[in-house]
Amino acid sequence: MIKLKNVIFKYDKTEVLKDISFEVKEKEKIVLLGINGSGKSTLLKIINGLTFPQKGEYFYKNEKITPKKLKNKDFVRKFRKEVVLLFQNPDTMIFNPTVYDEIAFGLRQLGIEEIDEKVKYWAEKLGIEQYLDCPPFELSGGEKQKVCLASLLVLEPEVLLLDEPTSNLDPRTTGWLIDFLYELDLTTIITTHNLSLALELGDRGLVISEDHQLIYDGNLEEFIKDIDKLKEANLVHIHRHRHGNIQHKHYHLHDF
């Protein structure tokens, strides 16, 4: 369904992604791991067609995604409906006067019918139906996240990309989101640096190292047991702490 082949991306002269290659099958649930600044968000933007690699290729359903391809009106309409991205900060996605308008925006842009029915369905599904007439800017962070998620799922996408979706959520909302995502029957790629949540979000892990290379592609449980790979990705930390009167150091999973 998704294929990246030898993708290289640079900001000015700084390489953010180095020779990244992998494939994602339909309905797979992928966790993209790496520390902040490793290139995870850039990779999601490439998959979403918001930016393009300087070298390498990206294919969606065997179609090579290029700036020219996304100027084709028929293709871009299909692509924007099928591949959607939830940004880490919901405030960057919200710009409509009401929650209803926020959820309905994509449907209106794509000329999709039965807007009212679809908006109300997803608002109820995410527990935000009581806010439909409210300005989304006034909601809590967790509620804004649900509004943004509803505005994407209302399009009935096939691929859902989520960039650090739990980073601004409280524990209760984080638990709700994990359960909600588990029930979605579509392809998901979720970025995080929180290993304590990774196993709850997917079975297969793609791990990007500090030097922006893909260093692991496989079972998440196996990766978390591999201390050398964890250290290479800087996803474990070591610090001094106490157990009663005994003070010592050892490695801890990176979960904060």
C-alpha atoms as a PDB file:
ATOM      1  CA  MET A   1       0.000   0.000   0.000  1.00  0.00           C
ATOM      2  CA  ILE A   2       2.805   2.394   0.994  1.00  0.00           C
ATOM      3  CA  LYS A   3       6.378   2.103  -0.223  1.00  0.00           C
ATOM      4  CA  LEU A   4       9.349   4.365   0.444  1.00  0.00           C
ATOM      5  CA  LYS A   5      12.528   3.657  -1.478  1.00  0.00           C
ATOM      6  CA  ASN A   6      15.879   5.252  -0.529  1.00  0.00           C
ATOM      7  CA  VAL A   7      14.246   8.468   0.668  1.00  0.00           C
ATOM      8  CA  ILE A   8      16.571  11.341   1.554  1.00  0.00           C
ATOM      9  CA  PHE A   9      15.321  14.664   2.903  1.00  0.00           C
ATOM     10  CA  LYS A  10      17.297  17.766   3.846  1.00  0.00           C
ATOM     11  CA  TYR A  11      16.517  21.109   5.441  1.00  0.00           C
ATOM     12  CA  ASP A  12      19.107  23.400   3.869  1.00  0.00           C
ATOM     13  CA  LYS A  13      22.251  21.255   4.177  1.00  0.00           C
ATOM     14  CA  THR A  14      21.101  19.213   7.181  1.00  0.00           C
ATOM     15  CA  GLU A  15      19.975  15.664   6.437  1.00  0.00           C
ATOM     16  CA  VAL A  16      16.784  14.830   8.315  1.00  0.00           C
ATOM     17  CA  LEU A  17      16.152  11.453   6.689  1.00  0.00           C
ATOM     18  CA  LYS A  18      18.963   9.271   5.316  1.00  0.00           C
ATOM     19  CA  ASP A  19      18.210   6.534   2.797  1.00  0.00           C
ATOM     20  CA  ILE A  20      14.874   5.434   4.313  1.00  0.00           C
ATOM     21  CA  SER A  21      13.201   2.387   2.762  1.00  0.00           C
ATOM     22  CA  PHE A  22      10.210   0.359   3.967  1.00  0.00           C
ATOM     23  CA  GLU A  23       6.787  -0.902   2.899  1.00  0.00           C
ATOM     24  CA  VAL A  24       3.451  -0.875   4.729  1.00  0.00           C
ATOM     25  CA  LYS A  25       0.664  -3.299   3.951  1.00  0.00           C
ATOM     26  CA  GLU A  26      -3.022  -2.459   4.093  1.00  0.00           C
ATOM     27  CA  LYS A  27      -4.488  -2.480   7.643  1.00  0.00           C
ATOM     28  CA  GLU A  28      -1.057  -2.686   9.314  1.00  0.00           C
ATOM     29  CA  LYS A  29      -0.622  -0.785  12.577  1.00  0.00           C
ATOM     30  CA  ILE A  30       2.864   0.715  12.594  1.00  0.00           C
ATOM     31  CA  VAL A  31       4.642   2.539  15.417  1.00  0.00           C
ATOM     32  CA  LEU A  32       7.359   4.933  14.237  1.00  0.00           C
ATOM     33  CA  LEU A  33       9.880   5.342  17.055  1.00  0.00           C
ATOM     34  CA  GLY A  34      12.683   7.834  17.516  1.00  0.00           C
ATOM     35  CA  ILE A  35      13.750  10.694  19.742  1.00  0.00           C
ATOM     36  CA  ASN A  36      12.583  14.244  19.084  1.00  0.00           C
ATOM     37  CA  GLY A  37      14.391  15.591  16.032  1.00  0.00           C
ATOM     38  CA  SER A  38      15.077  12.179  14.501  1.00  0.00           C
ATOM     39  CA  GLY A  39      12.864  12.892  11.470  1.00  0.00           C
ATOM     40  CA  LYS A  40       9.599  11.171  12.410  1.00  0.00           C
ATOM     41  CA  SER A  41       7.356  14.157  11.693  1.00  0.00           C
ATOM     42  CA  THR A  42       9.064  14.853   8.382  1.00  0.00           C
ATOM     43  CA  LEU A  43       8.504  11.249   7.354  1.00  0.00           C
ATOM     44  CA  LEU A  44       4.775  11.542   8.087  1.00  0.00           C
ATOM     45  CA  LYS A  45       4.587  14.738   6.039  1.00  0.00           C
ATOM     46  CA  ILE A  46       6.188  12.946   3.099  1.00  0.00           C
ATOM     47  CA  ILE A  47       3.672  10.096   3.353  1.00  0.00           C
ATOM     48  CA  ASN A  48       0.889  12.691   3.534  1.00  0.00           C
ATOM     49  CA  GLY A  49       2.207  14.476   0.443  1.00  0.00           C
ATOM     50  CA  LEU A  50       2.866  17.736   2.275  1.00  0.00           C
ATOM     51  CA  THR A  51       6.557  17.677   1.397  1.00  0.00           C
ATOM     52  CA  PHE A  52       8.710  15.654  -0.973  1.00  0.00           C
ATOM     53  CA  PRO A  53      12.096  13.933  -0.717  1.00  0.00           C
ATOM     54  CA  GLN A  54      15.073  15.411  -2.537  1.00  0.00           C
ATOM     55  CA  LYS A  55      16.119  11.881  -3.436  1.00  0.00           C
ATOM     56  CA  GLY A  56      14.331   8.550  -3.435  1.00  0.00           C
ATOM     57  CA  GLU A  57      10.737   7.635  -4.198  1.00  0.00           C
ATOM     58  CA  TYR A  58       7.409   7.350  -2.411  1.00  0.00           C
ATOM     59  CA  PHE A  59       4.592   5.204  -3.789  1.00  0.00           C
ATOM     60  CA  TYR A  60       0.981   5.030  -2.621  1.00  0.00           C
ATOM     61  CA  LYS A  61      -1.004   2.153  -4.123  1.00  0.00           C
ATOM     62  CA  ASN A  62       1.705   1.828  -6.785  1.00  0.00           C
ATOM     63  CA  GLU A  63       1.361   5.509  -7.759  1.00  0.00           C
ATOM     64  CA  LYS A  64       4.523   7.568  -7.407  1.00  0.00           C
ATOM     65  CA  ILE A  65       3.714  10.643  -5.316  1.00  0.00           C
ATOM     66  CA  THR A  66       5.283  13.796  -6.753  1.00  0.00           C
ATOM     67  CA  PRO A  67       4.351  17.502  -6.834  1.00  0.00           C
ATOM     68  CA  LYS A  68       3.141  17.020 -10.395  1.00  0.00           C
ATOM     69  CA  LYS A  69       0.992  14.036  -9.438  1.00  0.00           C
ATOM     70  CA  LEU A  70      -0.682  16.040  -6.684  1.00  0.00           C
ATOM     71  CA  LYS A  71      -1.630  18.728  -9.191  1.00  0.00           C
ATOM     72  CA  ASN A  72      -3.923  16.228 -10.901  1.00  0.00           C
ATOM     73  CA  LYS A  73      -7.363  17.210  -9.581  1.00  0.00           C
ATOM     74  CA  ASP A  74      -8.890  13.742  -9.702  1.00  0.00           C
ATOM     75  CA  PHE A  75      -5.908  12.060  -8.062  1.00  0.00           C
ATOM     76  CA  VAL A  76      -5.374  14.672  -5.346  1.00  0.00           C
ATOM     77  CA  ARG A  77      -9.058  14.536  -4.376  1.00  0.00           C
ATOM     78  CA  LYS A  78      -8.777  10.767  -3.927  1.00  0.00           C
ATOM     79  CA  PHE A  79      -5.411  10.985  -2.147  1.00  0.00           C
ATOM     80  CA  ARG A  80      -6.488  13.707   0.309  1.00  0.00           C
ATOM     81  CA  LYS A  81      -9.540  11.676   1.240  1.00  0.00           C
ATOM     82  CA  GLU A  82      -7.620   8.419   1.728  1.00  0.00           C
ATOM     83  CA  VAL A  83      -4.431   9.594   3.490  1.00  0.00           C
ATOM     84  CA  VAL A  84      -4.847  11.925   6.472  1.00  0.00           C
ATOM     85  CA  LEU A  85      -2.512  13.317   9.131  1.00  0.00           C
ATOM     86  CA  LEU A  86      -3.238  14.302  12.732  1.00  0.00           C
ATOM     87  CA  PHE A  87      -0.659  16.872  13.821  1.00  0.00           C
ATOM     88  CA  GLN A  88       0.890  16.807  17.281  1.00  0.00           C
ATOM     89  CA  ASN A  89      -0.558  20.185  18.252  1.00  0.00           C
ATOM     90  CA  PRO A  90      -4.308  20.401  17.484  1.00  0.00           C
ATOM     91  CA  ASP A  91      -4.163  24.207  17.529  1.00  0.00           C
ATOM     92  CA  THR A  92      -2.298  24.110  14.201  1.00  0.00           C
ATOM     93  CA  MET A  93      -5.286  22.359  12.602  1.00  0.00           C
ATOM     94  CA  ILE A  94      -8.204  24.346  14.006  1.00  0.00           C
ATOM     95  CA  PHE A  95      -9.446  27.448  12.179  1.00  0.00           C
ATOM     96  CA  ASN A  96     -13.240  27.196  11.826  1.00  0.00           C
ATOM     97  CA  PRO A  97     -15.778  29.135  13.926  1.00  0.00           C
ATOM     98  CA  THR A  98     -17.569  26.066  15.337  1.00  0.00           C
ATOM     99  CA  VAL A  99     -16.784  22.422  16.027  1.00  0.00           C
ATOM    100  CA  TYR A 100     -19.438  21.465  13.464  1.00  0.00           C
ATOM    101  CA  ASP A 101     -17.736  23.543  10.770  1.00  0.00           C
ATOM    102  CA  GLU A 102     -14.353  22.120  11.720  1.00  0.00           C
ATOM    103  CA  ILE A 103     -15.531  18.547  11.236  1.00  0.00           C
ATOM    104  CA  ALA A 104     -17.468  19.411   8.083  1.00  0.00           C
ATOM    105  CA  PHE A 105     -14.676  21.384   6.416  1.00  0.00           C
ATOM    106  CA  GLY A 106     -12.986  18.516   4.567  1.00  0.00           C
ATOM    107  CA  LEU A 107     -16.312  17.105   3.384  1.00  0.00           C
ATOM    108  CA  ARG A 108     -17.275  20.478   1.942  1.00  0.00           C
ATOM    109  CA  GLN A 109     -13.904  20.916   0.226  1.00  0.00           C
ATOM    110  CA  LEU A 110     -14.176  17.503  -1.412  1.00  0.00           C
ATOM    111  CA  GLY A 111     -17.818  17.931  -2.374  1.00  0.00           C
ATOM    112  CA  ILE A 112     -18.959  14.941  -0.332  1.00  0.00           C
ATOM    113  CA  GLU A 113     -22.692  14.652   0.350  1.00  0.00           C
ATOM    114  CA  GLU A 114     -24.634  13.800   3.525  1.00  0.00           C
ATOM    115  CA  ILE A 115     -22.476  16.189   5.529  1.00  0.00           C
ATOM    116  CA  ASP A 116     -24.834  16.641   8.481  1.00  0.00           C
ATOM    117  CA  GLU A 117     -25.265  12.905   8.997  1.00  0.00           C
ATOM    118  CA  LYS A 118     -21.527  12.211   8.827  1.00  0.00           C
ATOM    119  CA  VAL A 119     -20.577  15.090  11.146  1.00  0.00           C
ATOM    120  CA  LYS A 120     -23.062  14.060  13.809  1.00  0.00           C
ATOM    121  CA  TYR A 121     -22.030  10.399  13.560  1.00  0.00           C
ATOM    122  CA  TRP A 122     -18.344  11.097  14.202  1.00  0.00           C
ATOM    123  CA  ALA A 123     -19.050  13.752  16.817  1.00  0.00           C
ATOM    124  CA  GLU A 124     -21.078  11.170  18.746  1.00  0.00           C
ATOM    125  CA  LYS A 125     -18.448   8.477  18.129  1.00  0.00           C
ATOM    126  CA  LEU A 126     -15.776  10.672  19.723  1.00  0.00           C
ATOM    127  CA  GLY A 127     -17.996  12.024  22.477  1.00  0.00           C
ATOM    128  CA  ILE A 128     -17.991  15.658  21.375  1.00  0.00           C
ATOM    129  CA  GLU A 129     -21.545  16.048  20.066  1.00  0.00           C
ATOM    130  CA  GLN A 130     -22.347  18.518  22.870  1.00  0.00           C
ATOM    131  CA  TYR A 131     -19.727  20.917  21.485  1.00  0.00           C
ATOM    132  CA  LEU A 132     -20.915  21.088  17.862  1.00  0.00           C
ATOM    133  CA  ASP A 133     -22.076  24.718  18.174  1.00  0.00           C
ATOM    134  CA  CYS A 134     -19.079  25.811  20.281  1.00  0.00           C
ATOM    135  CA  PRO A 135     -15.912  27.553  19.087  1.00  0.00           C
ATOM    136  CA  PRO A 136     -13.225  24.836  19.011  1.00  0.00           C
ATOM    137  CA  PHE A 137     -10.613  27.272  20.342  1.00  0.00           C
ATOM    138  CA  GLU A 138     -12.345  27.275  23.738  1.00  0.00           C
ATOM    139  CA  LEU A 139     -12.105  23.506  24.271  1.00  0.00           C
ATOM    140  CA  SER A 140      -9.516  21.652  26.329  1.00  0.00           C
ATOM    141  CA  GLY A 141      -6.483  20.083  24.663  1.00  0.00           C
ATOM    142  CA  GLY A 142      -8.022  16.612  24.739  1.00  0.00           C
ATOM    143  CA  GLU A 143     -11.312  17.844  23.306  1.00  0.00           C
ATOM    144  CA  LYS A 144      -9.492  19.712  20.531  1.00  0.00           C
ATOM    145  CA  GLN A 145      -7.627  16.511  19.704  1.00  0.00           C
ATOM    146  CA  LYS A 146     -10.948  14.698  19.356  1.00  0.00           C
ATOM    147  CA  VAL A 147     -12.321  17.449  17.097  1.00  0.00           C
ATOM    148  CA  CYS A 148      -9.292  17.199  14.830  1.00  0.00           C
ATOM    149  CA  LEU A 149      -9.530  13.415  14.765  1.00  0.00           C
ATOM    150  CA  ALA A 150     -13.226  13.631  13.880  1.00  0.00           C
ATOM    151  CA  SER A 151     -12.433  16.062  11.051  1.00  0.00           C
ATOM    152  CA  LEU A 152     -10.140  13.405   9.555  1.00  0.00           C
ATOM    153  CA  LEU A 153     -12.175  10.259  10.198  1.00  0.00           C
ATOM    154  CA  VAL A 154     -15.299  11.866   8.747  1.00  0.00           C
ATOM    155  CA  LEU A 155     -13.556  11.525   5.365  1.00  0.00           C
ATOM    156  CA  GLU A 156     -13.467   7.731   5.865  1.00  0.00           C
ATOM    157  CA  PRO A 157      -9.721   7.496   5.108  1.00  0.00           C
ATOM    158  CA  GLU A 158      -7.724   4.354   4.456  1.00  0.00           C
ATOM    159  CA  VAL A 159      -4.490   5.586   6.074  1.00  0.00           C
ATOM    160  CA  LEU A 160      -4.363   7.507   9.358  1.00  0.00           C
ATOM    161  CA  LEU A 161      -1.054   9.144  10.275  1.00  0.00           C
ATOM    162  CA  LEU A 162      -0.691  10.397  13.853  1.00  0.00           C
ATOM    163  CA  ASP A 163       2.209  12.515  15.086  1.00  0.00           C
ATOM    164  CA  GLU A 164       2.818  12.028  18.834  1.00  0.00           C
ATOM    165  CA  PRO A 165      -0.950  11.887  19.459  1.00  0.00           C
ATOM    166  CA  THR A 166      -0.662  11.368  23.234  1.00  0.00           C
ATOM    167  CA  SER A 167       1.969  14.025  23.992  1.00  0.00           C
ATOM    168  CA  ASN A 168      -0.535  16.665  25.151  1.00  0.00           C
ATOM    169  CA  LEU A 169      -3.137  14.345  26.684  1.00  0.00           C
ATOM    170  CA  ASP A 170      -3.879  13.497  30.301  1.00  0.00           C
ATOM    171  CA  PRO A 171      -3.789   9.811  31.376  1.00  0.00           C
ATOM    172  CA  ARG A 172      -7.554   9.285  31.056  1.00  0.00           C
ATOM    173  CA  THR A 173      -7.716  10.690  27.519  1.00  0.00           C
ATOM    174  CA  THR A 174      -4.569   8.776  26.565  1.00  0.00           C
ATOM    175  CA  GLY A 175      -6.243   5.533  27.638  1.00  0.00           C
ATOM    176  CA  TRP A 176      -9.361   6.430  25.674  1.00  0.00           C
ATOM    177  CA  LEU A 177      -7.323   7.205  22.537  1.00  0.00           C
ATOM    178  CA  ILE A 178      -5.400   3.913  22.697  1.00  0.00           C
ATOM    179  CA  ASP A 179      -8.669   1.954  22.911  1.00  0.00           C
ATOM    180  CA  PHE A 180     -10.244   4.017  20.145  1.00  0.00           C
ATOM    181  CA  LEU A 181      -7.320   3.558  17.754  1.00  0.00           C
ATOM    182  CA  TYR A 182      -7.226  -0.170  18.459  1.00  0.00           C
ATOM    183  CA  GLU A 183     -10.780  -0.507  17.154  1.00  0.00           C
ATOM    184  CA  LEU A 184     -10.175   1.391  13.898  1.00  0.00           C
ATOM    185  CA  ASP A 185     -10.041  -0.940  10.906  1.00  0.00           C
ATOM    186  CA  LEU A 186      -7.556   0.986   8.796  1.00  0.00           C
ATOM    187  CA  THR A 187      -3.831   1.441   8.258  1.00  0.00           C
ATOM    188  CA  THR A 188      -2.203   3.500  11.009  1.00  0.00           C
ATOM    189  CA  ILE A 189       1.289   4.927  11.373  1.00  0.00           C
ATOM    190  CA  ILE A 190       1.837   6.528  14.771  1.00  0.00           C
ATOM    191  CA  THR A 191       4.969   8.360  15.904  1.00  0.00           C
ATOM    192  CA  THR A 192       6.138   8.341  19.503  1.00  0.00           C
ATOM    193  CA  HIS A 193       9.269   8.263  21.638  1.00  0.00           C
ATOM    194  CA  ASN A 194       7.331   6.767  24.548  1.00  0.00           C
ATOM    195  CA  LEU A 195       8.174   3.065  24.715  1.00  0.00           C
ATOM    196  CA  SER A 196       5.682   2.409  27.496  1.00  0.00           C
ATOM    197  CA  LEU A 197       2.896   3.234  25.020  1.00  0.00           C
ATOM    198  CA  ALA A 198       4.412   1.774  21.854  1.00  0.00           C
ATOM    199  CA  LEU A 199       3.212  -1.786  22.430  1.00  0.00           C
ATOM    200  CA  GLU A 200      -0.324  -0.478  22.930  1.00  0.00           C
ATOM    201  CA  LEU A 201      -0.307   1.299  19.565  1.00  0.00           C
ATOM    202  CA  GLY A 202       0.923  -1.396  17.172  1.00  0.00           C
ATOM    203  CA  ASP A 203       2.805  -4.621  16.625  1.00  0.00           C
ATOM    204  CA  ARG A 204       5.440  -3.550  14.113  1.00  0.00           C
ATOM    205  CA  GLY A 205       8.041  -0.921  14.890  1.00  0.00           C
ATOM    206  CA  LEU A 206      10.053   1.295  12.569  1.00  0.00           C
ATOM    207  CA  VAL A 207      12.906   2.905  14.496  1.00  0.00           C
ATOM    208  CA  ILE A 208      14.859   5.966  13.367  1.00  0.00           C
ATOM    209  CA  SER A 209      18.183   6.666  15.044  1.00  0.00           C
ATOM    210  CA  GLU A 210      19.667   9.987  16.145  1.00  0.00           C
ATOM    211  CA  ASP A 211      21.543  10.172  12.852  1.00  0.00           C
ATOM    212  CA  HIS A 212      18.241   9.858  10.940  1.00  0.00           C
ATOM    213  CA  GLN A 213      18.629   6.319   9.640  1.00  0.00           C
ATOM    214  CA  LEU A 214      16.180   3.437   9.842  1.00  0.00           C
ATOM    215  CA  ILE A 215      17.899   1.011  12.214  1.00  0.00           C
ATOM    216  CA  TYR A 216      15.079  -1.425  12.964  1.00  0.00           C
ATOM    217  CA  ASP A 217      11.991  -2.762  11.206  1.00  0.00           C
ATOM    218  CA  GLY A 218      10.223  -5.594  12.965  1.00  0.00           C
ATOM    219  CA  ASN A 219       8.374  -6.827  16.015  1.00  0.00           C
ATOM    220  CA  LEU A 220       8.101  -4.203  18.745  1.00  0.00           C
ATOM    221  CA  GLU A 221       8.388  -6.627  21.628  1.00  0.00           C
ATOM    222  CA  GLU A 222      11.677  -7.930  20.260  1.00  0.00           C
ATOM    223  CA  PHE A 223      13.014  -4.395  19.810  1.00  0.00           C
ATOM    224  CA  ILE A 224      12.224  -3.407  23.389  1.00  0.00           C
ATOM    225  CA  LYS A 225      14.251  -6.393  24.614  1.00  0.00           C
ATOM    226  CA  ASP A 226      17.310  -5.329  22.556  1.00  0.00           C
ATOM    227  CA  ILE A 227      19.292  -2.977  24.805  1.00  0.00           C
ATOM    228  CA  ASP A 228      21.913  -2.296  22.112  1.00  0.00           C
ATOM    229  CA  LYS A 229      19.299  -1.132  19.611  1.00  0.00           C
ATOM    230  CA  LEU A 230      17.556   0.908  22.300  1.00  0.00           C
ATOM    231  CA  LYS A 231      20.836   2.657  23.113  1.00  0.00           C
ATOM    232  CA  GLU A 232      21.572   3.221  19.422  1.00  0.00           C
ATOM    233  CA  ALA A 233      18.205   4.951  19.060  1.00  0.00           C
ATOM    234  CA  ASN A 234      18.722   6.850  22.354  1.00  0.00           C
ATOM    235  CA  LEU A 235      15.417   5.448  23.608  1.00  0.00           C
ATOM    236  CA  VAL A 236      16.844   4.421  26.974  1.00  0.00           C
ATOM    237  CA  HIS A 237      18.407   6.675  29.562  1.00  0.00           C
ATOM    238  CA  ILE A 238      20.600   6.075  32.593  1.00  0.00           C
ATOM    239  CA  HIS A 239      20.488   8.049  35.828  1.00  0.00           C
ATOM    240  CA  ARG A 240      21.168   7.697  39.530  1.00  0.00           C
ATOM    241  CA  HIS A 241      18.252   6.691  41.775  1.00  0.00           C
ATOM    242  CA  ARG A 242      17.492   4.966  45.074  1.00  0.00           C
ATOM    243  CA  HIS A 243      15.911   1.696  46.143  1.00  0.00           C
ATOM    244  CA  GLY A 244      15.495   2.298  49.877  1.00  0.00           C
ATOM    245  CA  ASN A 245      18.987   3.119  51.184  1.00  0.00           C
ATOM    246  CA  ILE A 246      20.743   1.701  48.104  1.00  0.00           C
ATOM    247  CA  GLN A 247      21.759   4.145  45.396  1.00  0.00           C
ATOM    248  CA  HIS A 248      22.738   2.938  41.936  1.00  0.00           C
ATOM    249  CA  LYS A 249      22.360   3.478  38.173  1.00  0.00           C
ATOM    250  CA  HIS A 250      20.826   1.426  35.372  1.00  0.00           C
ATOM    251  CA  TYR A 251      19.062   1.939  32.062  1.00  0.00           C
ATOM    252  CA  HIS A 252      15.392   2.954  31.914  1.00  0.00           C
ATOM    253  CA  LEU A 253      13.027   3.005  28.950  1.00  0.00           C
ATOM    254  CA  HIS A 254      12.422   6.483  27.545  1.00  0.00           C
ATOM    255  CA  ASP A 255       8.818   7.152  28.535  1.00  0.00           C
ATOM    256  CA  PHE A 256       8.779  10.832  29.381  1.00  0.00           C
END
